[in-house]
């Protein structure tokens, strides 16, 4: 009898731990999806999933791709990894530091099956940096950004892999990722809890999509039309993964999270960030405040919106706790458990959120106030730049009254500038130098990125 009761107790504990499906779009405009107010592009699957959960209206990420991925995987700001400037380029001889405990490692230790299906973008120059060495049981997709969606090449090198070995699967990248993610769900669901991370390469350039996806958008032109078709294909892929979860009978046990990795590039021409200022690569809201939601039937409020500021680093401690993983780790997390904010209408767990800090730029949000400081441009492909000479540009915004950052209040509120500058300086002092370096002279593109392997 005791054995039976113990088995039942363990089953109840296991049932309370969610499967996690984390969708990450690449270069998505904040207001291009219907659930964020978009009207031009049809995203029925995302809209339906978002309506069943809670929209995150003030959800922050990093200005570009790799840093956001590093923040999600570690719960730590990228300035602690040296990944705060630029992205991990194909030629980079670095990646996410090996002393970081990744989210996948934490959940795997807790008994989860783990898979990454999509873009890694956190280093591939040595085997120990690859996904299957960083906590993922399964890997499918590519290491670099900006690959060809049909040939799966980047700069002439092949960049499509299964379990960190070259794959020659043929087809449109978004379709292949959807098929693989759905297959993982079908194979794993019901056997053990799973963490499925789906970082799409869509809708990042090059803008490529099968012709049939262009037909619903005859009124759009050029890159915008291709982008619309790519987003529609990604939306379809999300629907296929959700359908696989439902077919497996584990929808009620699954937490879905969706976010973009940064704001849309070329806003107004290719993407739509709404009225938010600027776009990808900037510290303004259009670059870092993105489309996002979380859905877990009967656990996350349906049809709700959270306006409290949250950051992608927050998902690490939140998921570690929800999934029953060990909370203790060698390096302290910057993220905070967002669950009370998401499900109980509690305030943001942050006194201040670091948007980013680099040798020449920085931004921080505390409450409704945001400070943006710049002394010049950072070189995303250079050695650590020196601080630019001259007076810094200092901008202070009251995001409650001015969410679109039109009015600089720095001169009117010098005490608030001083307060936020002190917070930003504290973060900056803890930062390690950026790892970004120029392409080495004579660099030769390999036939397959990430090889040779031992």
Protein backbone atom coordinates (compact mmCIF):
# COMPACT_ATOMS: atom_id res chain seq x y z
CA UNK A 1 0.00 0.00 0.00
CA UNK A 2 2.81 2.41 0.87
CA UNK A 3 4.46 1.72 -2.47
CA UNK A 4 1.19 2.48 -4.27
CA UNK A 5 0.71 5.73 -2.34
CA UNK A 6 4.30 6.75 -3.05
CA UNK A 7 3.80 6.08 -6.76
CA UNK A 8 0.59 8.13 -6.78
CA UNK A 9 2.34 11.00 -4.94
CA UNK A 10 5.20 11.01 -7.42
CA UNK A 11 2.73 10.97 -10.29
CA UNK A 12 0.92 14.00 -8.83
CA UNK A 13 4.20 15.88 -8.45
CA UNK A 14 5.19 15.02 -12.01
CA UNK A 15 1.76 16.05 -13.31
CA UNK A 16 2.18 19.47 -11.73
CA UNK A 17 5.38 20.09 -13.70
CA UNK A 18 4.59 21.46 -17.15
CA UNK A 19 5.96 20.51 -20.48
CA UNK A 20 7.47 23.69 -21.91
CA UNK A 21 7.33 24.78 -25.55
CA UNK A 22 9.25 28.01 -26.05
CA UNK A 23 8.83 29.66 -29.46
CA UNK A 24 11.32 32.40 -30.34
CA UNK A 25 10.78 34.40 -33.53
CA UNK A 26 13.71 36.17 -35.19
CA UNK A 27 13.43 39.87 -36.10
CA UNK A 28 9.65 40.01 -35.70
CA UNK A 29 8.00 43.41 -35.77
CA UNK A 30 6.18 44.12 -32.51
CA UNK A 31 2.81 44.81 -34.17
CA UNK A 32 2.93 42.43 -37.12
CA UNK A 33 0.92 39.68 -35.41
CA UNK A 34 -2.80 39.96 -34.93
CA UNK A 35 -2.59 39.41 -31.18
CA UNK A 36 -0.49 42.58 -30.90
CA UNK A 37 -2.82 44.62 -33.07
CA UNK A 38 -1.49 43.80 -36.53
CA UNK A 39 -4.00 43.76 -39.38
CA UNK A 40 -1.97 43.30 -42.57
CA UNK A 41 -0.62 39.79 -41.97
CA UNK A 42 -2.74 36.80 -40.99
CA UNK A 43 -1.48 34.95 -37.89
CA UNK A 44 -4.49 32.85 -36.82
CA UNK A 45 -2.56 30.17 -34.94
CA UNK A 46 -0.53 32.61 -32.88
CA UNK A 47 -3.62 34.72 -32.24
CA UNK A 48 -5.59 31.72 -30.99
CA UNK A 49 -2.78 30.56 -28.73
CA UNK A 50 -2.26 34.08 -27.37
CA UNK A 51 -5.99 34.51 -26.69
CA UNK A 52 -5.90 31.37 -24.55
CA UNK A 53 -3.20 32.98 -22.41
CA UNK A 54 -1.77 36.32 -21.34
CA UNK A 55 -0.08 38.94 -23.52
CA UNK A 56 3.13 40.44 -22.15
CA UNK A 57 2.87 44.07 -23.15
CA UNK A 58 6.14 45.28 -21.56
CA UNK A 59 8.37 42.29 -22.25
CA UNK A 60 12.02 43.19 -22.86
CA UNK A 61 14.76 41.37 -24.72
CA UNK A 62 18.16 42.40 -26.07
CA UNK A 63 18.65 44.60 -29.16
CA UNK A 64 19.97 41.73 -31.35
CA UNK A 65 19.87 37.94 -31.72
CA UNK A 66 22.66 36.16 -29.80
CA UNK A 67 22.40 38.26 -26.62
CA UNK A 68 18.71 37.45 -26.21
CA UNK A 69 19.42 33.76 -26.61
CA UNK A 70 22.21 33.97 -24.04
CA UNK A 71 19.90 35.77 -21.60
CA UNK A 72 17.18 33.13 -22.01
CA UNK A 73 19.57 30.20 -21.65
CA UNK A 74 21.23 31.52 -18.48
CA UNK A 75 18.92 34.00 -16.76
CA UNK A 76 21.88 36.40 -16.81
CA UNK A 77 22.38 39.65 -18.67
CA UNK A 78 24.67 39.23 -21.71
CA UNK A 79 27.13 41.80 -20.37
CA UNK A 80 28.16 39.04 -17.96
CA UNK A 81 29.00 36.75 -20.89
CA UNK A 82 30.81 39.31 -23.04
CA UNK A 83 27.97 38.94 -25.57
CA UNK A 84 26.49 42.41 -25.12
CA UNK A 85 27.76 43.78 -28.46
CA UNK A 86 26.78 42.31 -31.83
CA UNK A 87 26.06 38.64 -32.47
CA UNK A 88 28.15 35.47 -32.60
CA UNK A 89 29.42 35.66 -36.17
CA UNK A 90 30.13 32.52 -38.23
CA UNK A 91 33.88 33.04 -37.83
CA UNK A 92 33.74 33.72 -34.09
CA UNK A 93 36.13 31.77 -31.89
CA UNK A 94 33.93 32.15 -28.84
CA UNK A 95 30.41 31.43 -27.65
CA UNK A 96 28.30 31.24 -24.53
CA UNK A 97 30.91 30.67 -21.78
CA UNK A 98 31.19 27.06 -20.68
CA UNK A 99 30.87 27.89 -16.99
CA UNK A 100 27.25 28.95 -17.55
CA UNK A 101 24.57 26.47 -16.50
CA UNK A 102 22.03 26.57 -19.29
CA UNK A 103 18.29 26.28 -18.90
CA UNK A 104 18.43 23.03 -20.86
CA UNK A 105 21.02 21.61 -18.45
CA UNK A 106 18.92 22.58 -15.45
CA UNK A 107 15.77 20.98 -16.83
CA UNK A 108 17.60 17.89 -18.03
CA UNK A 109 18.93 17.43 -14.49
CA UNK A 110 15.31 17.55 -13.35
CA UNK A 111 14.38 14.66 -15.63
CA UNK A 112 13.15 16.56 -18.67
CA UNK A 113 13.68 15.49 -22.27
CA UNK A 114 15.22 18.52 -24.00
CA UNK A 115 15.37 19.59 -27.64
CA UNK A 116 16.36 22.68 -29.60
CA UNK A 117 14.82 22.94 -33.06
CA UNK A 118 15.98 26.04 -34.91
CA UNK A 119 18.79 28.60 -34.63
CA UNK A 120 21.45 28.16 -31.92
CA UNK A 121 23.62 31.27 -32.49
CA UNK A 122 25.63 30.82 -29.27
CA UNK A 123 28.88 29.43 -30.66
CA UNK A 124 30.00 26.49 -32.77
CA UNK A 125 33.78 26.86 -33.08
CA UNK A 126 34.47 23.91 -30.77
CA UNK A 127 32.40 20.79 -29.97
CA UNK A 128 31.86 21.71 -26.33
CA UNK A 129 29.92 24.83 -27.38
CA UNK A 130 27.34 22.93 -29.42
CA UNK A 131 23.78 22.38 -28.20
CA UNK A 132 24.14 18.67 -27.40
CA UNK A 133 26.98 19.58 -25.04
CA UNK A 134 24.93 22.35 -23.40
CA UNK A 135 22.03 20.31 -22.10
CA UNK A 136 19.98 19.41 -25.18
CA UNK A 137 19.26 15.75 -25.84
CA UNK A 138 18.21 16.58 -29.37
CA UNK A 139 19.27 19.29 -31.81
CA UNK A 140 17.97 20.12 -35.26
CA UNK A 141 18.56 23.22 -37.33
CA UNK A 142 21.38 25.70 -37.76
CA UNK A 143 24.13 27.40 -35.80
CA UNK A 144 24.33 30.77 -37.59
CA UNK A 145 21.90 33.49 -38.50
CA UNK A 146 20.96 34.64 -42.01
CA UNK A 147 21.23 31.28 -43.73
CA UNK A 148 19.53 30.51 -47.04
CA UNK A 149 16.08 29.06 -46.26
CA UNK A 150 16.24 26.58 -49.15
CA UNK A 151 19.91 25.56 -49.51
CA UNK A 152 20.64 25.90 -45.76
CA UNK A 153 23.99 27.51 -46.54
CA UNK A 154 25.61 30.54 -44.94
CA UNK A 155 28.43 32.24 -46.89
CA UNK A 156 29.00 29.05 -48.86
CA UNK A 157 29.22 26.76 -45.83
CA UNK A 158 26.48 24.23 -45.10
CA UNK A 159 24.60 25.01 -41.90
CA UNK A 160 21.97 22.37 -41.24
CA UNK A 161 22.49 19.80 -38.51
CA UNK A 162 20.83 16.97 -36.65
CA UNK A 163 22.23 16.20 -33.21
CA UNK A 164 25.22 18.39 -34.11
CA UNK A 165 26.11 16.39 -37.20
CA UNK A 166 25.65 17.65 -40.75
CA UNK A 167 22.16 17.01 -42.15
CA UNK A 168 21.27 17.15 -45.83
CA UNK A 169 17.52 17.28 -45.33
CA UNK A 170 15.89 19.18 -48.17
CA UNK A 171 13.08 21.67 -47.90
CA UNK A 172 12.09 25.14 -46.71
CA UNK A 173 13.67 25.76 -43.31
CA UNK A 174 10.48 26.75 -41.48
CA UNK A 175 8.68 23.66 -42.76
CA UNK A 176 11.52 21.36 -41.67
CA UNK A 177 11.61 22.89 -38.18
CA UNK A 178 7.85 22.48 -37.75
CA UNK A 179 8.00 18.84 -38.81
CA UNK A 180 10.89 18.07 -36.46
CA UNK A 181 9.35 19.87 -33.49
CA UNK A 182 6.02 18.08 -33.96
CA UNK A 183 7.82 14.74 -34.24
CA UNK A 184 9.68 15.38 -30.98
CA UNK A 185 6.38 16.04 -29.22
CA UNK A 186 4.83 12.87 -30.65
CA UNK A 187 7.82 10.76 -29.59
CA UNK A 188 8.22 12.25 -26.12
CA UNK A 189 4.85 13.32 -24.75
CA UNK A 190 3.51 11.09 -22.00
CA UNK A 191 6.84 9.37 -21.44
CA UNK A 192 8.55 12.16 -19.55
CA UNK A 193 8.16 15.94 -19.26
CA UNK A 194 9.82 17.85 -22.09
CA UNK A 195 11.40 21.20 -22.83
CA UNK A 196 11.08 22.04 -26.52
CA UNK A 197 12.91 25.23 -27.56
CA UNK A 198 11.93 26.36 -31.07
CA UNK A 199 14.02 29.41 -32.09
CA UNK A 200 12.82 29.96 -35.66
CA UNK A 201 15.11 31.62 -38.19
CA UNK A 202 11.93 33.24 -39.54
CA UNK A 203 11.39 36.08 -40.12
CA UNK A 204 15.05 37.11 -40.37
CA UNK A 205 16.56 38.07 -43.73
CA UNK A 206 17.17 36.84 -46.37
CA UNK A 207 13.47 37.18 -47.02
CA UNK A 208 12.62 33.93 -48.80
CA UNK A 209 9.39 31.96 -48.88
CA UNK A 210 7.64 29.52 -51.23
CA UNK A 211 5.53 31.41 -53.80
CA UNK A 212 2.19 30.17 -52.47
CA UNK A 213 2.71 32.19 -49.29
CA UNK A 214 2.86 35.43 -51.29
CA UNK A 215 -0.56 35.01 -52.90
CA UNK A 216 -2.63 36.22 -49.92
CA UNK A 217 -0.71 39.52 -49.91
CA UNK A 218 -1.00 41.05 -53.40
CA UNK A 219 -1.31 44.53 -51.90
CA UNK A 220 2.14 44.37 -50.34
CA UNK A 221 5.34 44.96 -52.25
CA UNK A 222 8.95 43.76 -52.27
CA UNK A 223 10.54 42.72 -49.01
CA UNK A 224 7.39 43.50 -47.03
CA UNK A 225 5.41 40.99 -49.10
CA UNK A 226 8.08 38.30 -48.65
CA UNK A 227 8.23 39.04 -44.96
CA UNK A 228 4.44 38.65 -44.71
CA UNK A 229 4.63 35.27 -46.38
CA UNK A 230 7.45 34.19 -44.05
CA UNK A 231 5.44 35.21 -40.99
CA UNK A 232 2.41 33.32 -42.31
CA UNK A 233 4.59 30.22 -42.75
CA UNK A 234 5.95 30.58 -39.21
CA UNK A 235 2.43 30.99 -37.86
CA UNK A 236 1.46 27.79 -39.66
CA UNK A 237 4.46 26.05 -38.07
CA UNK A 238 3.39 27.14 -34.60
CA UNK A 239 -0.05 25.71 -35.33
CA UNK A 240 1.47 22.36 -36.29
CA UNK A 241 3.43 22.13 -33.05
CA UNK A 242 0.39 23.05 -30.97
CA UNK A 243 -1.65 20.45 -32.88
CA UNK A 244 0.99 17.82 -32.06
CA UNK A 245 0.73 18.71 -28.36
CA UNK A 246 -3.05 18.42 -28.51
CA UNK A 247 -2.95 15.13 -30.43
CA UNK A 248 -0.60 13.72 -27.79
CA UNK A 249 -3.18 14.61 -25.14
CA UNK A 250 -0.88 16.88 -23.11
CA UNK A 251 -2.24 20.35 -23.90
CA UNK A 252 -3.44 20.84 -20.30
CA UNK A 253 0.04 19.98 -19.05
CA UNK A 254 1.94 22.29 -21.41
CA UNK A 255 3.15 25.85 -20.97
CA UNK A 256 3.63 27.71 -24.23
CA UNK A 257 5.79 30.84 -24.40
CA UNK A 258 6.23 33.05 -27.45
CA UNK A 259 8.55 36.00 -27.96
CA UNK A 260 10.65 37.75 -30.57
CA UNK A 261 14.41 37.97 -30.01
CA UNK A 262 14.45 41.72 -30.72
CA UNK A 263 12.36 44.40 -32.34
CA UNK A 264 11.76 44.49 -36.06
CA UNK A 265 14.48 45.87 -38.36
CA UNK A 266 13.68 48.52 -40.97
CA UNK A 267 10.41 49.47 -39.24
CA UNK A 268 7.91 51.05 -41.59
CA UNK A 269 9.55 49.43 -44.61
CA UNK A 270 9.77 45.72 -43.83
CA UNK A 271 8.48 45.30 -40.28
CA UNK A 272 5.95 47.12 -38.12
CA UNK A 273 6.86 48.09 -34.55
CA UNK A 274 3.77 50.25 -34.28
CA UNK A 275 4.40 53.67 -32.76
CA UNK A 276 7.33 52.46 -30.68
CA UNK A 277 10.56 54.28 -31.41
CA UNK A 278 13.18 52.80 -33.75
CA UNK A 279 13.89 49.08 -34.13
CA UNK A 280 16.40 46.26 -34.01
CA UNK A 281 19.87 47.15 -32.79
CA UNK A 282 18.73 50.14 -30.72
CA UNK A 283 18.02 50.62 -27.02
CA UNK A 284 14.71 52.35 -27.72
CA UNK A 285 11.43 50.54 -27.14
CA UNK A 286 11.09 49.52 -30.78
CA UNK A 287 14.34 47.59 -30.49
CA UNK A 288 13.78 45.78 -27.21
CA UNK A 289 10.06 45.74 -26.27
CA UNK A 290 8.62 42.89 -28.26
CA UNK A 291 5.57 40.80 -29.06
CA UNK A 292 5.21 38.09 -26.39
CA UNK A 293 2.70 35.93 -24.54
CA UNK A 294 2.43 32.91 -22.27
CA UNK A 295 -0.30 30.25 -22.34
CA UNK A 296 -1.02 27.36 -19.99
CA UNK A 297 -4.65 26.30 -19.86
CA UNK A 298 -6.24 26.87 -16.43
CA UNK A 299 -2.92 28.11 -15.00
CA UNK A 300 -2.24 31.34 -16.91
CA UNK A 301 -5.23 33.73 -17.16
CA UNK A 302 -6.86 33.65 -20.59
CA UNK A 303 -7.46 36.89 -22.47
CA UNK A 304 -5.39 38.94 -20.03
CA UNK A 305 -2.56 41.45 -20.53
CA UNK A 306 0.39 42.12 -18.22
CA UNK A 307 1.67 45.69 -18.44
CA UNK A 308 4.35 45.32 -15.75
CA UNK A 309 7.91 45.29 -17.15
CA UNK A 310 9.51 41.86 -17.44
CA UNK A 311 12.69 40.63 -19.14
CA UNK A 312 13.66 37.48 -21.00
CA UNK A 313 16.13 36.64 -18.19
CA UNK A 314 13.08 36.07 -15.98
CA UNK A 315 12.07 32.88 -17.75
CA UNK A 316 15.15 31.04 -16.47
CA UNK A 317 14.36 31.13 -12.73
CA UNK A 318 10.64 30.85 -13.44
CA UNK A 319 11.00 27.65 -15.45
CA UNK A 320 13.62 26.20 -13.11
CA UNK A 321 11.12 26.51 -10.26
CA UNK A 322 8.04 25.39 -12.19
CA UNK A 323 9.85 22.34 -13.55
CA UNK A 324 11.26 21.28 -10.20
CA UNK A 325 14.89 21.81 -11.14
CA UNK A 326 17.65 22.58 -8.67
CA UNK A 327 17.68 26.32 -8.00
CA UNK A 328 21.23 26.50 -6.67
CA UNK A 329 23.89 27.23 -9.27
CA UNK A 330 27.46 28.55 -9.37
CA UNK A 331 26.61 31.89 -11.01
CA UNK A 332 23.83 34.19 -9.73
CA UNK A 333 20.89 34.90 -12.01
CA UNK A 334 19.70 38.39 -12.92
CA UNK A 335 16.25 37.06 -13.69
CA UNK A 336 13.41 36.98 -11.21
CA UNK A 337 10.46 34.62 -10.95
CA UNK A 338 7.79 36.25 -13.11
CA UNK A 339 5.00 33.82 -12.21
CA UNK A 340 3.30 36.02 -9.55
CA UNK A 341 3.27 38.92 -12.03
CA UNK A 342 1.92 36.69 -14.79
CA UNK A 343 -0.74 34.86 -12.82
CA UNK A 344 -1.58 36.99 -9.74
CA UNK A 345 -1.30 40.56 -11.04
CA UNK A 346 1.68 41.23 -8.78
CA UNK A 347 4.10 44.12 -9.59
CA UNK A 348 7.23 43.52 -11.61
CA UNK A 349 9.82 41.61 -9.59
CA UNK A 350 12.47 44.11 -10.72
CA UNK A 351 13.48 47.36 -9.08
CA UNK A 352 15.41 48.00 -12.30
CA UNK A 353 15.77 46.19 -15.61
CA UNK A 354 19.01 46.49 -17.54
CA UNK A 355 18.24 47.02 -21.20
CA UNK A 356 21.96 46.76 -22.03
CA UNK A 357 25.35 48.19 -21.17
CA UNK A 358 28.25 48.37 -23.64
CA UNK A 359 31.46 50.43 -23.72
CA UNK A 360 29.64 53.28 -25.48
CA UNK A 361 25.94 52.84 -24.74
CA UNK A 362 23.52 51.81 -22.06
CA UNK A 363 19.91 51.88 -20.96
CA UNK A 364 18.01 50.94 -17.83
CA UNK A 365 14.34 50.98 -16.85
CA UNK A 366 13.20 51.49 -13.24
CA UNK A 367 9.46 51.64 -12.74
CA UNK A 368 8.07 53.88 -15.48
CA UNK A 369 11.35 55.72 -15.96
CA UNK A 370 13.91 54.84 -18.62
CA UNK A 371 17.38 56.26 -19.10
CA UNK A 372 19.30 55.96 -22.40
CA UNK A 373 22.96 57.05 -22.49
CA UNK A 374 25.21 57.11 -25.54
CA UNK A 375 28.76 58.30 -26.15
CA UNK A 376 29.06 56.84 -29.64
CA UNK A 377 28.59 53.73 -31.75
CA UNK A 378 29.75 50.26 -30.72
CA UNK A 379 31.44 48.21 -33.42
CA UNK A 380 29.64 44.85 -33.50
CA UNK A 381 32.56 43.22 -35.32
CA UNK A 382 35.52 44.94 -33.71
CA UNK A 383 37.76 44.74 -30.72
CA UNK A 384 36.57 46.37 -27.53
CA UNK A 385 35.97 49.99 -28.58
CA UNK A 386 37.21 52.87 -26.54
CA UNK A 387 34.72 55.32 -25.13
CA UNK A 388 34.05 58.12 -27.55
CA UNK A 389 35.31 61.54 -26.67
CA UNK A 390 32.91 64.35 -25.92
CA UNK A 391 29.73 64.79 -23.93
CA UNK A 392 27.38 61.85 -23.60
CA UNK A 393 23.87 61.96 -25.00
CA UNK A 394 21.50 61.47 -22.06
CA UNK A 395 17.78 60.82 -22.55
CA UNK A 396 15.19 60.28 -19.85
CA UNK A 397 11.67 59.10 -20.64
CA UNK A 398 8.53 58.64 -18.57
CA UNK A 399 7.17 55.53 -20.28
CA UNK A 400 3.79 55.76 -18.57
CA UNK A 401 3.09 59.17 -20.07
CA UNK A 402 5.32 58.80 -23.12
CA UNK A 403 5.67 55.13 -24.16
CA UNK A 404 6.89 56.13 -27.61
CA UNK A 405 9.88 58.08 -26.26
CA UNK A 406 9.18 61.40 -27.91
CA UNK A 407 10.02 63.76 -25.04
CA UNK A 408 13.43 63.83 -23.36
CA UNK A 409 12.94 64.85 -19.71
CA UNK A 410 16.59 64.73 -18.67
CA UNK A 411 16.89 68.49 -18.12
CA UNK A 412 13.65 68.64 -16.12
CA UNK A 413 14.49 65.74 -13.79
CA UNK A 414 18.23 65.81 -13.01
CA UNK A 415 17.72 63.89 -9.76
CA UNK A 416 16.01 61.03 -11.62
CA UNK A 417 18.83 61.03 -14.18
CA UNK A 418 21.35 60.80 -11.36
CA UNK A 419 19.43 57.94 -9.74
CA UNK A 420 19.13 55.87 -12.91
CA UNK A 421 22.68 56.70 -13.99
CA UNK A 422 23.90 55.25 -10.70
CA UNK A 423 21.96 52.05 -11.39
CA UNK A 424 23.34 51.85 -14.92
CA UNK A 425 26.89 52.48 -13.74
CA UNK A 426 26.53 49.69 -11.19
CA UNK A 427 25.62 47.26 -13.97
CA UNK A 428 28.44 48.58 -16.17
CA UNK A 429 31.04 47.94 -13.46
CA UNK A 430 30.04 44.27 -13.40
CA UNK A 431 30.32 43.86 -17.18
CA UNK A 432 33.08 41.87 -18.83
CA UNK A 433 34.64 43.21 -22.06
CA UNK A 434 32.75 42.38 -25.27
CA UNK A 435 34.07 39.31 -27.08
CA UNK A 436 33.27 40.64 -30.57
CA UNK A 437 36.26 40.56 -32.91
CA UNK A 438 36.82 41.26 -36.62
CA UNK A 439 36.87 38.42 -39.12
CA UNK A 440 40.40 36.93 -39.04
CA UNK A 441 42.55 37.65 -42.06
CA UNK A 442 42.54 34.72 -44.41
CA UNK A 443 39.51 33.11 -42.80
CA UNK A 444 38.30 30.20 -44.94
CA UNK A 445 34.65 29.20 -44.82
CA UNK A 446 34.35 25.50 -43.96
CA UNK A 447 32.31 23.14 -46.09
CA UNK A 448 30.13 22.52 -43.02
CA UNK A 449 29.86 25.00 -40.18
CA UNK A 450 30.80 23.44 -36.85
CA UNK A 451 33.12 20.82 -38.34
CA UNK A 452 35.60 19.16 -38.26
CA UNK A 453 34.45 17.11 -35.35
CA UNK A 454 36.52 14.54 -33.43
